[in-house]
Amino acid sequence: MLDTPRLAGLTSWDAPWAGLRVVVAGIGVSGFAAADTLIELGAKVTVVDAGDTERNRQSADTLKIVGASDVVLGPDAMAAVPDVAGQRPELVVTSPGIRPTSPLLTAAREEGIQIWGDVELAWRVNRREGRKSPEWLCITGTNGKTTTVGMTASILQAAGLKAVAVGNVGTPILDALRDPVEYDVLAVE
């Protein structure tokens, strides 16, 4: 599915994100970072997660305080694509743990709503006026990714670069991009 003209223009932190209607699927570490980033950019955000746990409720409370339009938790939260601020969303951003065949993502595809992962969102906001854009060193594969990413970050740091391991190793990419430290390199799993 191709981006709409509006989504195609969202290629930096400084792009016109304000008012964009987004559903974020998942309120775990990556989903929280995606929702928080989008709210900071001025988007209207509804977050959904099937888990109604104490941790998720605390995260939901925090996101509501910082400006989420809505947070819906529970087994039915991801059964369909919810409205955002009373209108259909323009975008769904999904966390890595959400299956592509989930009812929410299936419904979004059927409605023609664009779906991005948190990594695509991070790639799009990587460039930011007045701030260094880190290079990305991406590592993928079946076995040994976490070890390789950690070693890579350590090697880069030993070489005098500001580097951090991000992605599925604990720190969400979006949190690293918003960190006051202007990293030279992100070692991405």
N, C-alpha and C. Protein backbone atom coordinates (compact mmCIF):
# COMPACT_ATOMS: atom_id res chain seq x y z
N MET A 1 0.85 -1.17 0.00
CA MET A 1 0.00 0.00 0.00
C MET A 1 0.90 1.24 0.00
N LEU A 2 0.61 2.18 -0.87
CA LEU A 2 1.39 3.41 -0.97
C LEU A 2 0.90 4.43 0.05
N ASP A 3 1.84 5.27 0.48
CA ASP A 3 1.48 6.35 1.38
C ASP A 3 0.52 7.31 0.70
N THR A 4 -0.35 7.92 1.49
CA THR A 4 -1.15 9.03 0.98
C THR A 4 -0.20 10.21 0.80
N PRO A 5 -0.60 11.25 0.05
CA PRO A 5 0.28 12.41 -0.10
C PRO A 5 0.71 13.00 1.25
N ARG A 6 -0.21 13.04 2.21
CA ARG A 6 0.15 13.59 3.51
C ARG A 6 1.22 12.74 4.19
N LEU A 7 1.03 11.43 4.20
CA LEU A 7 2.00 10.55 4.85
C LEU A 7 3.33 10.56 4.11
N ALA A 8 3.29 10.66 2.79
CA ALA A 8 4.53 10.69 2.00
C ALA A 8 5.38 11.90 2.36
N GLY A 9 4.75 12.98 2.79
CA GLY A 9 5.49 14.19 3.15
C GLY A 9 6.07 14.18 4.55
N LEU A 10 5.77 13.16 5.32
CA LEU A 10 6.26 13.09 6.70
C LEU A 10 7.62 12.39 6.71
N THR A 11 8.66 13.16 6.39
CA THR A 11 10.00 12.58 6.23
C THR A 11 11.03 13.18 7.18
N SER A 12 10.59 13.94 8.16
CA SER A 12 11.52 14.47 9.16
C SER A 12 10.73 14.85 10.40
N TRP A 13 11.46 15.13 11.46
CA TRP A 13 10.85 15.58 12.71
C TRP A 13 10.05 16.86 12.46
N ASP A 14 10.58 17.70 11.58
CA ASP A 14 10.02 19.03 11.34
C ASP A 14 8.87 19.04 10.34
N ALA A 15 8.48 17.89 9.82
CA ALA A 15 7.37 17.79 8.88
C ALA A 15 6.05 18.12 9.60
N PRO A 16 4.98 18.34 8.86
CA PRO A 16 3.69 18.71 9.47
C PRO A 16 2.94 17.53 10.08
N TRP A 17 3.40 17.08 11.24
CA TRP A 17 2.76 15.97 11.95
C TRP A 17 1.51 16.41 12.71
N ALA A 18 1.39 17.68 13.02
CA ALA A 18 0.29 18.18 13.86
C ALA A 18 -1.06 17.81 13.26
N GLY A 19 -1.92 17.27 14.10
CA GLY A 19 -3.27 16.92 13.70
C GLY A 19 -3.41 15.57 13.01
N LEU A 20 -2.29 14.91 12.68
CA LEU A 20 -2.36 13.59 12.06
C LEU A 20 -3.08 12.64 13.02
N ARG A 21 -4.05 11.89 12.50
CA ARG A 21 -4.82 10.95 13.33
C ARG A 21 -4.18 9.57 13.26
N VAL A 22 -3.69 9.10 14.41
CA VAL A 22 -2.91 7.85 14.46
C VAL A 22 -3.44 6.93 15.54
N VAL A 23 -3.56 5.66 15.20
CA VAL A 23 -3.80 4.61 16.19
C VAL A 23 -2.46 3.92 16.43
N VAL A 24 -2.05 3.81 17.68
CA VAL A 24 -0.84 3.07 18.04
C VAL A 24 -1.28 1.74 18.63
N ALA A 25 -0.83 0.65 18.02
CA ALA A 25 -1.17 -0.69 18.48
C ALA A 25 -0.09 -1.20 19.41
N GLY A 26 -0.44 -1.33 20.68
CA GLY A 26 0.50 -1.81 21.69
C GLY A 26 0.96 -0.69 22.59
N ILE A 27 0.99 -0.96 23.89
CA ILE A 27 1.39 0.06 24.86
C ILE A 27 2.62 -0.39 25.66
N GLY A 28 3.33 -1.39 25.11
CA GLY A 28 4.58 -1.81 25.73
C GLY A 28 5.66 -0.76 25.50
N VAL A 29 6.90 -1.13 25.63
CA VAL A 29 8.01 -0.18 25.55
C VAL A 29 8.02 0.55 24.20
N SER A 30 7.96 -0.18 23.10
CA SER A 30 8.01 0.45 21.77
C SER A 30 6.74 1.23 21.47
N GLY A 31 5.58 0.67 21.81
CA GLY A 31 4.32 1.36 21.56
C GLY A 31 4.21 2.63 22.36
N PHE A 32 4.63 2.58 23.62
CA PHE A 32 4.61 3.78 24.46
C PHE A 32 5.50 4.86 23.84
N ALA A 33 6.70 4.48 23.41
CA ALA A 33 7.62 5.44 22.80
C ALA A 33 7.03 6.03 21.52
N ALA A 34 6.36 5.20 20.72
CA ALA A 34 5.74 5.69 19.49
C ALA A 34 4.63 6.68 19.82
N ALA A 35 3.76 6.32 20.76
CA ALA A 35 2.66 7.21 21.13
C ALA A 35 3.19 8.52 21.70
N ASP A 36 4.15 8.44 22.60
CA ASP A 36 4.71 9.63 23.23
C ASP A 36 5.36 10.54 22.19
N THR A 37 6.09 9.96 21.25
CA THR A 37 6.72 10.74 20.18
C THR A 37 5.67 11.43 19.33
N LEU A 38 4.66 10.69 18.90
CA LEU A 38 3.62 11.26 18.05
C LEU A 38 2.88 12.39 18.76
N ILE A 39 2.61 12.21 20.05
CA ILE A 39 1.95 13.27 20.82
C ILE A 39 2.85 14.50 20.87
N GLU A 40 4.15 14.28 21.10
CA GLU A 40 5.11 15.40 21.11
C GLU A 40 5.12 16.14 19.78
N LEU A 41 4.92 15.41 18.68
CA LEU A 41 4.90 16.01 17.35
C LEU A 41 3.57 16.70 17.04
N GLY A 42 2.58 16.54 17.90
CA GLY A 42 1.29 17.20 17.70
C GLY A 42 0.22 16.34 17.06
N ALA A 43 0.49 15.06 16.87
CA ALA A 43 -0.50 14.16 16.29
C ALA A 43 -1.60 13.87 17.31
N LYS A 44 -2.77 13.49 16.80
CA LYS A 44 -3.87 13.02 17.64
C LYS A 44 -3.72 11.50 17.71
N VAL A 45 -3.61 10.98 18.93
CA VAL A 45 -3.22 9.58 19.10
C VAL A 45 -4.22 8.83 19.97
N THR A 46 -4.66 7.67 19.46
CA THR A 46 -5.40 6.71 20.26
C THR A 46 -4.54 5.45 20.35
N VAL A 47 -4.37 4.94 21.56
CA VAL A 47 -3.54 3.76 21.79
C VAL A 47 -4.45 2.60 22.19
N VAL A 48 -4.18 1.43 21.63
CA VAL A 48 -4.96 0.23 21.97
C VAL A 48 -4.02 -0.90 22.35
N ASP A 49 -4.44 -1.70 23.31
CA ASP A 49 -3.66 -2.87 23.72
C ASP A 49 -4.62 -3.88 24.34
N ALA A 50 -4.44 -5.14 23.98
CA ALA A 50 -5.32 -6.20 24.50
C ALA A 50 -5.08 -6.49 25.97
N GLY A 51 -3.93 -6.12 26.49
CA GLY A 51 -3.61 -6.42 27.89
C GLY A 51 -4.08 -5.33 28.83
N ASP A 52 -4.91 -5.70 29.78
CA ASP A 52 -5.40 -4.74 30.78
C ASP A 52 -4.68 -5.02 32.10
N THR A 53 -3.38 -4.77 32.11
CA THR A 53 -2.55 -5.03 33.29
C THR A 53 -2.32 -3.73 34.05
N GLU A 54 -1.82 -3.85 35.26
CA GLU A 54 -1.51 -2.67 36.06
C GLU A 54 -0.47 -1.80 35.35
N ARG A 55 0.56 -2.42 34.80
CA ARG A 55 1.59 -1.67 34.08
C ARG A 55 0.99 -0.92 32.90
N ASN A 56 0.12 -1.59 32.13
CA ASN A 56 -0.51 -0.93 30.99
C ASN A 56 -1.42 0.21 31.43
N ARG A 57 -2.13 0.02 32.55
CA ARG A 57 -3.00 1.09 33.05
C ARG A 57 -2.16 2.30 33.47
N GLN A 58 -1.01 2.06 34.09
CA GLN A 58 -0.12 3.17 34.46
C GLN A 58 0.40 3.89 33.22
N SER A 59 0.79 3.12 32.21
CA SER A 59 1.25 3.73 30.96
C SER A 59 0.12 4.51 30.30
N ALA A 60 -1.09 3.96 30.35
CA ALA A 60 -2.25 4.65 29.78
C ALA A 60 -2.49 5.98 30.49
N ASP A 61 -2.41 5.97 31.81
CA ASP A 61 -2.60 7.21 32.57
C ASP A 61 -1.56 8.26 32.17
N THR A 62 -0.32 7.83 32.01
CA THR A 62 0.74 8.76 31.62
C THR A 62 0.47 9.33 30.23
N LEU A 63 0.09 8.47 29.29
CA LEU A 63 -0.17 8.95 27.93
C LEU A 63 -1.36 9.90 27.88
N LYS A 64 -2.37 9.65 28.71
CA LYS A 64 -3.50 10.58 28.77
C LYS A 64 -3.06 11.94 29.31
N ILE A 65 -2.17 11.93 30.31
CA ILE A 65 -1.67 13.18 30.88
C ILE A 65 -0.92 13.99 29.83
N VAL A 66 -0.11 13.32 28.99
CA VAL A 66 0.67 14.06 28.00
C VAL A 66 -0.11 14.37 26.73
N GLY A 67 -1.35 13.86 26.61
CA GLY A 67 -2.18 14.32 25.51
C GLY A 67 -2.76 13.28 24.58
N ALA A 68 -2.72 12.00 24.93
CA ALA A 68 -3.37 10.99 24.09
C ALA A 68 -4.86 11.27 24.01
N SER A 69 -5.43 11.14 22.82
CA SER A 69 -6.87 11.32 22.66
C SER A 69 -7.64 10.28 23.44
N ASP A 70 -7.13 9.03 23.40
CA ASP A 70 -7.78 7.94 24.12
C ASP A 70 -6.80 6.78 24.25
N VAL A 71 -7.00 5.98 25.26
CA VAL A 71 -6.26 4.73 25.43
C VAL A 71 -7.30 3.67 25.78
N VAL A 72 -7.33 2.60 24.99
CA VAL A 72 -8.31 1.54 25.18
C VAL A 72 -7.55 0.25 25.48
N LEU A 73 -7.86 -0.35 26.63
CA LEU A 73 -7.20 -1.58 27.04
C LEU A 73 -8.23 -2.69 27.20
N GLY A 74 -7.81 -3.92 27.01
CA GLY A 74 -8.68 -5.06 27.24
C GLY A 74 -8.77 -5.94 26.01
N PRO A 75 -9.36 -7.13 26.18
CA PRO A 75 -9.38 -8.13 25.12
C PRO A 75 -10.02 -7.66 23.82
N ASP A 76 -10.97 -6.74 23.89
CA ASP A 76 -11.65 -6.27 22.68
C ASP A 76 -11.01 -5.02 22.08
N ALA A 77 -9.99 -4.49 22.72
CA ALA A 77 -9.41 -3.21 22.30
C ALA A 77 -8.83 -3.26 20.90
N MET A 78 -8.38 -4.44 20.48
CA MET A 78 -7.73 -4.54 19.18
C MET A 78 -8.55 -5.36 18.19
N ALA A 79 -9.87 -5.41 18.41
CA ALA A 79 -10.75 -6.18 17.53
C ALA A 79 -11.06 -5.43 16.24
N ALA A 80 -10.97 -4.11 16.28
CA ALA A 80 -11.28 -3.28 15.11
C ALA A 80 -10.47 -1.99 15.21
N VAL A 81 -10.47 -1.22 14.14
CA VAL A 81 -9.74 0.05 14.12
C VAL A 81 -10.62 1.12 14.75
N PRO A 82 -10.19 1.71 15.87
CA PRO A 82 -11.02 2.73 16.52
C PRO A 82 -10.87 4.10 15.84
N ASP A 83 -11.82 4.96 16.10
CA ASP A 83 -11.70 6.35 15.65
C ASP A 83 -10.65 7.06 16.50
N VAL A 84 -10.15 8.16 15.96
CA VAL A 84 -9.22 9.03 16.68
C VAL A 84 -9.85 10.41 16.70
N ALA A 85 -10.15 10.90 17.89
CA ALA A 85 -10.79 12.21 18.04
C ALA A 85 -12.03 12.32 17.16
N GLY A 86 -12.81 11.22 17.11
CA GLY A 86 -14.09 11.23 16.40
C GLY A 86 -14.00 11.02 14.90
N GLN A 87 -12.82 10.75 14.37
CA GLN A 87 -12.66 10.54 12.93
C GLN A 87 -11.84 9.28 12.67
N ARG A 88 -11.91 8.79 11.44
CA ARG A 88 -11.12 7.61 11.08
C ARG A 88 -9.64 7.98 11.07
N PRO A 89 -8.78 7.07 11.51
CA PRO A 89 -7.34 7.35 11.52
C PRO A 89 -6.76 7.39 10.11
N GLU A 90 -5.67 8.12 10.00
CA GLU A 90 -4.92 8.18 8.74
C GLU A 90 -3.79 7.16 8.73
N LEU A 91 -3.44 6.67 9.92
CA LEU A 91 -2.26 5.82 10.06
C LEU A 91 -2.41 4.93 11.29
N VAL A 92 -1.89 3.72 11.18
CA VAL A 92 -1.73 2.84 12.33
C VAL A 92 -0.23 2.58 12.49
N VAL A 93 0.29 2.82 13.68
CA VAL A 93 1.69 2.49 14.00
C VAL A 93 1.65 1.29 14.93
N THR A 94 2.33 0.23 14.53
CA THR A 94 2.26 -1.01 15.30
C THR A 94 3.58 -1.32 16.00
N SER A 95 3.46 -1.90 17.16
CA SER A 95 4.61 -2.38 17.93
C SER A 95 5.09 -3.70 17.33
N PRO A 96 6.34 -4.06 17.59
CA PRO A 96 6.87 -5.30 17.02
C PRO A 96 6.13 -6.56 17.46
N GLY A 97 5.51 -6.54 18.64
CA GLY A 97 4.85 -7.73 19.15
C GLY A 97 3.47 -8.00 18.59
N ILE A 98 2.96 -7.11 17.76
CA ILE A 98 1.61 -7.30 17.21
C ILE A 98 1.71 -8.10 15.91
N ARG A 99 0.97 -9.21 15.85
CA ARG A 99 0.99 -10.05 14.65
C ARG A 99 0.38 -9.32 13.46
N PRO A 100 0.97 -9.45 12.29
CA PRO A 100 0.40 -8.83 11.09
C PRO A 100 -1.02 -9.33 10.79
N THR A 101 -1.36 -10.53 11.29
CA THR A 101 -2.68 -11.10 11.05
C THR A 101 -3.69 -10.74 12.14
N SER A 102 -3.30 -9.86 13.06
CA SER A 102 -4.23 -9.48 14.14
C SER A 102 -5.46 -8.81 13.53
N PRO A 103 -6.62 -8.92 14.21
CA PRO A 103 -7.83 -8.29 13.68
C PRO A 103 -7.67 -6.79 13.41
N LEU A 104 -6.96 -6.09 14.27
CA LEU A 104 -6.77 -4.65 14.09
C LEU A 104 -6.02 -4.35 12.79
N LEU A 105 -4.89 -5.01 12.58
CA LEU A 105 -4.09 -4.74 11.38
C LEU A 105 -4.78 -5.24 10.12
N THR A 106 -5.49 -6.36 10.23
CA THR A 106 -6.26 -6.85 9.09
C THR A 106 -7.34 -5.84 8.71
N ALA A 107 -8.05 -5.33 9.70
CA ALA A 107 -9.10 -4.33 9.43
C ALA A 107 -8.51 -3.05 8.84
N ALA A 108 -7.37 -2.63 9.35
CA ALA A 108 -6.72 -1.42 8.82
C ALA A 108 -6.37 -1.61 7.34
N ARG A 109 -5.80 -2.76 7.00
CA ARG A 109 -5.47 -3.03 5.59
C ARG A 109 -6.72 -3.01 4.74
N GLU A 110 -7.79 -3.65 5.23
CA GLU A 110 -9.04 -3.71 4.46
C GLU A 110 -9.64 -2.33 4.25
N GLU A 111 -9.44 -1.42 5.22
CA GLU A 111 -9.95 -0.05 5.09
C GLU A 111 -9.01 0.85 4.30
N GLY A 112 -7.85 0.34 3.94
CA GLY A 112 -6.89 1.15 3.20
C GLY A 112 -6.11 2.12 4.08
N ILE A 113 -6.06 1.84 5.38
CA ILE A 113 -5.30 2.69 6.30
C ILE A 113 -3.84 2.22 6.29
N GLN A 114 -2.93 3.15 6.08
CA GLN A 114 -1.51 2.83 6.05
C GLN A 114 -1.06 2.29 7.41
N ILE A 115 -0.16 1.30 7.39
CA ILE A 115 0.39 0.71 8.62
C ILE A 115 1.91 0.87 8.57
N TRP A 116 2.45 1.46 9.64
CA TRP A 116 3.91 1.55 9.80
C TRP A 116 4.30 0.83 11.08
N GLY A 117 5.48 0.29 11.10
CA GLY A 117 6.07 -0.20 12.34
C GLY A 117 6.73 0.96 13.06
N ASP A 118 7.09 0.73 14.31
CA ASP A 118 7.76 1.80 15.07
C ASP A 118 9.10 2.17 14.45
N VAL A 119 9.74 1.22 13.77
CA VAL A 119 11.03 1.51 13.13
C VAL A 119 10.85 2.46 11.95
N GLU A 120 9.79 2.28 11.17
CA GLU A 120 9.55 3.22 10.06
C GLU A 120 9.26 4.61 10.60
N LEU A 121 8.47 4.70 11.65
CA LEU A 121 8.23 6.01 12.26
C LEU A 121 9.55 6.64 12.69
N ALA A 122 10.40 5.86 13.33
CA ALA A 122 11.70 6.38 13.78
C ALA A 122 12.55 6.84 12.59
N TRP A 123 12.55 6.07 11.52
CA TRP A 123 13.32 6.45 10.33
C TRP A 123 12.83 7.79 9.79
N ARG A 124 11.52 7.98 9.81
CA ARG A 124 10.95 9.22 9.27
C ARG A 124 11.25 10.44 10.13
N VAL A 125 11.40 10.27 11.43
CA VAL A 125 11.69 11.43 12.30
C VAL A 125 13.18 11.55 12.62
N ASN A 126 14.00 10.72 12.00
CA ASN A 126 15.44 10.72 12.26
C ASN A 126 16.08 12.07 11.96
N ARG A 127 15.67 12.69 10.87
CA ARG A 127 16.22 14.01 10.52
C ARG A 127 15.46 15.09 11.29
N ARG A 128 16.24 16.02 11.87
CA ARG A 128 15.64 17.07 12.70
C ARG A 128 16.49 18.33 12.57
N GLU A 129 15.85 19.42 12.20
CA GLU A 129 16.57 20.67 12.01
C GLU A 129 17.28 21.09 13.29
N GLY A 130 18.55 21.49 13.15
CA GLY A 130 19.31 21.95 14.29
C GLY A 130 19.86 20.85 15.18
N ARG A 131 19.76 19.61 14.70
CA ARG A 131 20.21 18.48 15.51
C ARG A 131 20.88 17.45 14.60
N LYS A 132 21.92 16.83 15.11
CA LYS A 132 22.62 15.80 14.35
C LYS A 132 21.70 14.60 14.15
N SER A 133 21.69 14.07 12.93
CA SER A 133 20.94 12.84 12.64
C SER A 133 21.91 11.67 12.72
N PRO A 134 21.67 10.74 13.63
CA PRO A 134 22.61 9.62 13.75
C PRO A 134 22.55 8.69 12.55
N GLU A 135 23.68 8.07 12.27
CA GLU A 135 23.71 6.99 11.28
C GLU A 135 23.08 5.76 11.94
N TRP A 136 22.51 4.89 11.14
CA TRP A 136 21.92 3.65 11.66
C TRP A 136 22.76 2.48 11.16
N LEU A 137 23.17 1.63 12.06
CA LEU A 137 23.84 0.39 11.72
C LEU A 137 22.87 -0.71 12.14
N CYS A 138 22.20 -1.32 11.17
CA CYS A 138 21.12 -2.27 11.45
C CYS A 138 21.61 -3.71 11.36
N ILE A 139 21.21 -4.50 12.34
CA ILE A 139 21.63 -5.89 12.42
C ILE A 139 20.37 -6.75 12.53
N THR A 140 20.27 -7.74 11.66
CA THR A 140 19.13 -8.64 11.68
C THR A 140 19.62 -10.07 11.48
N GLY A 141 18.74 -11.01 11.62
CA GLY A 141 19.11 -12.41 11.44
C GLY A 141 18.37 -13.28 12.43
N THR A 142 18.75 -14.53 12.49
CA THR A 142 18.06 -15.49 13.33
C THR A 142 18.67 -15.59 14.72
N ASN A 143 19.96 -15.72 14.79
CA ASN A 143 20.63 -15.93 16.08
C ASN A 143 21.76 -14.93 16.27
N GLY A 144 21.95 -14.49 17.50
CA GLY A 144 23.10 -13.66 17.83
C GLY A 144 22.94 -12.17 17.63
N LYS A 145 21.73 -11.73 17.33
CA LYS A 145 21.52 -10.29 17.06
C LYS A 145 21.82 -9.43 18.29
N THR A 146 21.26 -9.79 19.42
CA THR A 146 21.42 -8.97 20.62
C THR A 146 22.89 -8.87 21.01
N THR A 147 23.59 -9.98 20.97
CA THR A 147 25.02 -9.97 21.29
C THR A 147 25.78 -9.10 20.30
N THR A 148 25.47 -9.25 19.02
CA THR A 148 26.16 -8.49 17.98
C THR A 148 25.88 -7.00 18.11
N VAL A 149 24.64 -6.64 18.39
CA VAL A 149 24.29 -5.23 18.55
C VAL A 149 25.02 -4.64 19.75
N GLY A 150 25.03 -5.37 20.87
CA GLY A 150 25.74 -4.89 22.06
C GLY A 150 27.23 -4.72 21.81
N MET A 151 27.83 -5.70 21.14
CA MET A 151 29.26 -5.60 20.83
C MET A 151 29.53 -4.44 19.87
N THR A 152 28.66 -4.27 18.90
CA THR A 152 28.83 -3.18 17.93
C THR A 152 28.78 -1.83 18.63
N ALA A 153 27.80 -1.65 19.50
CA ALA A 153 27.70 -0.38 20.24
C ALA A 153 28.96 -0.16 21.07
N SER A 154 29.46 -1.20 21.71
CA SER A 154 30.68 -1.08 22.52
C SER A 154 31.89 -0.72 21.67
N ILE A 155 32.02 -1.33 20.51
CA ILE A 155 33.13 -1.02 19.60
C ILE A 155 33.06 0.44 19.15
N LEU A 156 31.86 0.88 18.78
CA LEU A 156 31.69 2.27 18.34
C LEU A 156 32.02 3.25 19.47
N GLN A 157 31.59 2.92 20.68
CA GLN A 157 31.90 3.78 21.83
C GLN A 157 33.40 3.80 22.11
N ALA A 158 34.05 2.65 22.00
CA ALA A 158 35.50 2.57 22.22
C ALA A 158 36.26 3.38 21.17
N ALA A 159 35.64 3.54 19.99
CA ALA A 159 36.25 4.33 18.92
C ALA A 159 35.99 5.83 19.11
N GLY A 160 35.31 6.17 20.20
CA GLY A 160 35.07 7.58 20.50
C GLY A 160 33.77 8.14 19.96
N LEU A 161 32.93 7.28 19.43
CA LEU A 161 31.64 7.74 18.91
C LEU A 161 30.56 7.65 19.99
N LYS A 162 29.61 8.56 19.92
CA LYS A 162 28.44 8.46 20.79
C LYS A 162 27.51 7.45 20.13
N ALA A 163 27.40 6.27 20.72
CA ALA A 163 26.62 5.19 20.14
C ALA A 163 25.79 4.52 21.22
N VAL A 164 24.68 3.93 20.80
CA VAL A 164 23.80 3.23 21.73
C VAL A 164 23.14 2.06 20.99
N ALA A 165 22.90 0.97 21.72
CA ALA A 165 22.17 -0.17 21.19
C ALA A 165 20.68 0.10 21.37
N VAL A 166 19.92 -0.05 20.29
CA VAL A 166 18.49 0.26 20.32
C VAL A 166 17.68 -0.82 19.60
N GLY A 167 16.38 -0.74 19.75
CA GLY A 167 15.48 -1.69 19.10
C GLY A 167 15.02 -2.74 20.08
N ASN A 168 15.15 -3.98 19.70
CA ASN A 168 14.70 -5.08 20.55
C ASN A 168 15.66 -5.40 21.68
N VAL A 169 16.57 -4.49 22.00
CA VAL A 169 17.55 -4.72 23.06
C VAL A 169 17.24 -3.89 24.30
N GLY A 170 16.10 -3.25 24.34
CA GLY A 170 15.71 -2.51 25.54
C GLY A 170 15.34 -1.07 25.31
N THR A 171 16.19 -0.29 24.65
CA THR A 171 15.90 1.12 24.41
C THR A 171 15.20 1.27 23.06
N PRO A 172 13.98 1.79 23.05
CA PRO A 172 13.31 2.00 21.76
C PRO A 172 14.09 3.02 20.91
N ILE A 173 14.08 2.81 19.61
CA ILE A 173 14.77 3.73 18.70
C ILE A 173 14.26 5.15 18.90
N LEU A 174 12.96 5.30 19.05
CA LEU A 174 12.37 6.64 19.19
C LEU A 174 12.86 7.34 20.46
N ASP A 175 13.08 6.60 21.53
CA ASP A 175 13.62 7.21 22.75
C ASP A 175 15.05 7.70 22.52
N ALA A 176 15.84 6.93 21.78
CA ALA A 176 17.22 7.35 21.49
C ALA A 176 17.22 8.61 20.63
N LEU A 177 16.29 8.71 19.69
CA LEU A 177 16.24 9.89 18.83
C LEU A 177 15.81 11.14 19.60
N ARG A 178 15.06 10.95 20.67
CA ARG A 178 14.60 12.10 21.47
C ARG A 178 15.52 12.37 22.65
N ASP A 179 16.51 11.54 22.86
CA ASP A 179 17.45 11.71 23.96
C ASP A 179 18.23 13.01 23.77
N PRO A 180 18.48 13.75 24.84
CA PRO A 180 19.30 14.96 24.70
C PRO A 180 20.69 14.69 24.14
N VAL A 181 21.20 13.47 24.34
CA VAL A 181 22.49 13.11 23.74
C VAL A 181 22.28 13.02 22.23
N GLU A 182 23.11 13.69 21.48
CA GLU A 182 23.03 13.58 20.02
C GLU A 182 23.96 12.47 19.57
N TYR A 183 23.40 11.29 19.38
CA TYR A 183 24.20 10.12 19.03
C TYR A 183 24.77 10.24 17.62
N ASP A 184 25.98 9.69 17.46
CA ASP A 184 26.59 9.59 16.13
C ASP A 184 26.03 8.39 15.38
N VAL A 185 25.83 7.29 16.13
CA VAL A 185 25.41 6.03 15.52
C VAL A 185 24.42 5.32 16.44
N LEU A 186 23.38 4.73 15.82
CA LEU A 186 22.47 3.84 16.53
C LEU A 186 22.77 2.42 16.04
N ALA A 187 23.07 1.51 16.95
CA ALA A 187 23.21 0.10 16.61
C ALA A 187 21.83 -0.51 16.81
N VAL A 188 21.16 -0.83 15.71
CA VAL A 188 19.74 -1.19 15.72
C VAL A 188 19.56 -2.69 15.55
N GLU A 189 18.79 -3.30 16.48
CA GLU A 189 18.40 -4.70 16.32
C GLU A 189 16.98 -4.74 15.79
